[in-house]
Each structure stands twice: as C-alpha cells, then as structure tokens.
N, C-alpha and C. Protein backbone atom coordinates (compact mmCIF):
# COMPACT_ATOMS: atom_id res chain seq x y z
N UNK A 1 3.49 -17.12 -0.87
CA UNK A 1 4.42 -16.22 -0.18
C UNK A 1 4.99 -15.20 -1.17
N UNK A 2 5.29 -15.66 -2.37
CA UNK A 2 5.86 -14.78 -3.38
C UNK A 2 4.86 -13.71 -3.80
N UNK A 3 3.58 -14.10 -3.86
CA UNK A 3 2.53 -13.16 -4.24
C UNK A 3 2.44 -12.02 -3.22
N UNK A 4 2.52 -12.36 -1.94
CA UNK A 4 2.46 -11.35 -0.88
C UNK A 4 3.65 -10.40 -1.01
N UNK A 5 4.82 -10.94 -1.36
CA UNK A 5 6.01 -10.11 -1.56
C UNK A 5 5.78 -9.11 -2.69
N UNK A 6 5.18 -9.58 -3.79
CA UNK A 6 4.89 -8.70 -4.92
C UNK A 6 3.90 -7.61 -4.53
N UNK A 7 2.89 -7.96 -3.73
CA UNK A 7 1.91 -6.98 -3.25
C UNK A 7 2.61 -5.92 -2.42
N UNK A 8 3.51 -6.34 -1.53
CA UNK A 8 4.24 -5.40 -0.68
C UNK A 8 5.07 -4.44 -1.52
N UNK A 9 5.75 -4.97 -2.53
CA UNK A 9 6.57 -4.14 -3.41
C UNK A 9 5.71 -3.13 -4.15
N UNK A 10 4.58 -3.57 -4.68
CA UNK A 10 3.70 -2.67 -5.43
C UNK A 10 3.13 -1.59 -4.51
N UNK A 11 2.80 -1.93 -3.26
CA UNK A 11 2.33 -0.93 -2.30
C UNK A 11 3.43 0.08 -2.01
N UNK A 12 4.66 -0.40 -1.87
CA UNK A 12 5.80 0.48 -1.61
C UNK A 12 5.99 1.46 -2.77
N UNK A 13 5.88 0.95 -4.01
CA UNK A 13 5.98 1.80 -5.19
C UNK A 13 4.87 2.83 -5.22
N UNK A 14 3.66 2.42 -4.83
CA UNK A 14 2.53 3.36 -4.78
C UNK A 14 2.82 4.49 -3.80
N UNK A 15 3.44 4.17 -2.67
CA UNK A 15 3.78 5.19 -1.68
C UNK A 15 4.79 6.18 -2.25
N UNK A 16 5.77 5.68 -2.99
CA UNK A 16 6.78 6.55 -3.61
C UNK A 16 6.13 7.45 -4.65
N UNK A 17 5.27 6.85 -5.49
CA UNK A 17 4.59 7.61 -6.54
C UNK A 17 3.69 8.67 -5.91
N UNK A 18 3.02 8.32 -4.83
CA UNK A 18 2.12 9.25 -4.14
C UNK A 18 2.85 10.53 -3.74
N UNK A 19 4.11 10.40 -3.31
CA UNK A 19 4.88 11.56 -2.89
C UNK A 19 5.19 12.49 -4.06
N UNK A 20 5.24 11.94 -5.27
CA UNK A 20 5.61 12.75 -6.43
C UNK A 20 4.41 13.35 -7.14
N UNK A 21 3.20 12.92 -6.76
CA UNK A 21 1.99 13.46 -7.37
C UNK A 21 1.79 14.90 -6.89
N UNK A 22 1.47 15.83 -7.81
CA UNK A 22 1.22 17.22 -7.42
C UNK A 22 0.11 17.34 -6.39
N UNK A 23 0.14 18.45 -5.66
CA UNK A 23 -0.81 18.67 -4.56
C UNK A 23 -2.25 18.65 -5.07
N UNK A 24 -2.48 19.10 -6.29
CA UNK A 24 -3.82 19.12 -6.88
C UNK A 24 -4.44 17.72 -6.85
N UNK A 25 -3.64 16.72 -7.19
CA UNK A 25 -4.13 15.34 -7.23
C UNK A 25 -4.14 14.70 -5.84
N UNK A 26 -3.42 15.30 -4.92
CA UNK A 26 -3.25 14.69 -3.60
C UNK A 26 -4.58 14.53 -2.88
N UNK A 27 -5.39 15.58 -2.89
CA UNK A 27 -6.69 15.51 -2.22
C UNK A 27 -7.60 14.47 -2.88
N UNK A 28 -7.52 14.42 -4.20
CA UNK A 28 -8.35 13.46 -4.95
C UNK A 28 -7.95 12.02 -4.61
N UNK A 29 -6.67 11.82 -4.36
CA UNK A 29 -6.17 10.47 -4.12
C UNK A 29 -6.15 10.10 -2.64
N UNK A 30 -6.53 11.04 -1.78
CA UNK A 30 -6.42 10.80 -0.34
C UNK A 30 -7.28 9.62 0.10
N UNK A 31 -8.47 9.50 -0.48
CA UNK A 31 -9.37 8.40 -0.11
C UNK A 31 -8.76 7.06 -0.52
N UNK A 32 -8.29 6.96 -1.76
CA UNK A 32 -7.70 5.71 -2.23
C UNK A 32 -6.40 5.42 -1.48
N UNK A 33 -5.69 6.49 -1.09
CA UNK A 33 -4.45 6.32 -0.34
C UNK A 33 -4.75 5.73 1.04
N UNK A 34 -5.83 6.22 1.67
CA UNK A 34 -6.24 5.69 2.97
C UNK A 34 -6.60 4.21 2.88
N UNK A 35 -7.33 3.85 1.82
CA UNK A 35 -7.70 2.45 1.64
C UNK A 35 -6.46 1.59 1.36
N UNK A 36 -5.44 2.19 0.73
CA UNK A 36 -4.18 1.48 0.51
C UNK A 36 -3.53 1.13 1.83
N UNK A 37 -3.54 2.10 2.77
CA UNK A 37 -2.93 1.87 4.08
C UNK A 37 -3.66 0.74 4.81
N UNK A 38 -5.00 0.76 4.75
CA UNK A 38 -5.80 -0.29 5.37
C UNK A 38 -5.46 -1.64 4.73
N UNK A 39 -5.36 -1.65 3.39
CA UNK A 39 -5.03 -2.87 2.66
C UNK A 39 -3.65 -3.39 3.07
N UNK A 40 -2.71 -2.46 3.24
CA UNK A 40 -1.36 -2.84 3.63
C UNK A 40 -1.36 -3.45 5.03
N UNK A 41 -2.15 -2.88 5.95
CA UNK A 41 -2.25 -3.43 7.30
C UNK A 41 -2.81 -4.85 7.26
N UNK A 42 -3.83 -5.06 6.44
CA UNK A 42 -4.42 -6.40 6.28
C UNK A 42 -3.37 -7.37 5.74
N UNK A 43 -2.58 -6.92 4.77
CA UNK A 43 -1.54 -7.76 4.17
C UNK A 43 -0.50 -8.13 5.21
N UNK A 44 -0.12 -7.16 6.05
CA UNK A 44 0.87 -7.43 7.09
C UNK A 44 0.34 -8.45 8.09
N UNK A 45 -0.95 -8.39 8.39
CA UNK A 45 -1.56 -9.39 9.28
C UNK A 45 -1.45 -10.78 8.65
N UNK A 46 -1.69 -10.87 7.35
CA UNK A 46 -1.60 -12.15 6.65
C UNK A 46 -0.16 -12.67 6.69
N UNK A 47 0.81 -11.77 6.52
CA UNK A 47 2.22 -12.17 6.55
C UNK A 47 2.57 -12.71 7.94
N UNK A 48 2.10 -12.01 8.99
CA UNK A 48 2.34 -12.48 10.36
C UNK A 48 1.70 -13.85 10.58
N UNK A 49 0.49 -14.00 10.06
CA UNK A 49 -0.24 -15.27 10.21
C UNK A 49 0.52 -16.40 9.51
N UNK A 50 1.03 -16.14 8.32
CA UNK A 50 1.78 -17.15 7.58
C UNK A 50 3.11 -17.45 8.25
N UNK A 51 3.67 -16.45 8.92
CA UNK A 51 4.97 -16.62 9.57
C UNK A 51 4.93 -17.54 10.78
N UNK A 52 3.74 -17.73 11.35
CA UNK A 52 3.63 -18.56 12.56
C UNK A 52 3.74 -20.04 12.25
C-alpha cells in the first residue's frame, strides 16, 4: 500500500514538473506524458481493487 502511495506522489510531481517544462520540450514529452496518464489510470484501478 505504501509503494502505491509513493507512485501516486511521484506521478503528481511529474505532472507539476510537466507544467514548468518549456513549450519546446512539451511536444517531445507528450508521448511519455500520455503513457504516464495511462499508467496512473492503471494504478488507480489497483488502488480501487486493494480497497475492496
């Protein structure tokens, strides 16, 4: 459970950092950013599963 919490925090930090990255890097990171969102959705599913 603690590991999932750490993953959530690191994803949240990535989202904050993403906002501060210049536009030049934004397009380059868009693919990895999309995969981050997918990864976050998967993590949330795991949290819901563990919560039951």
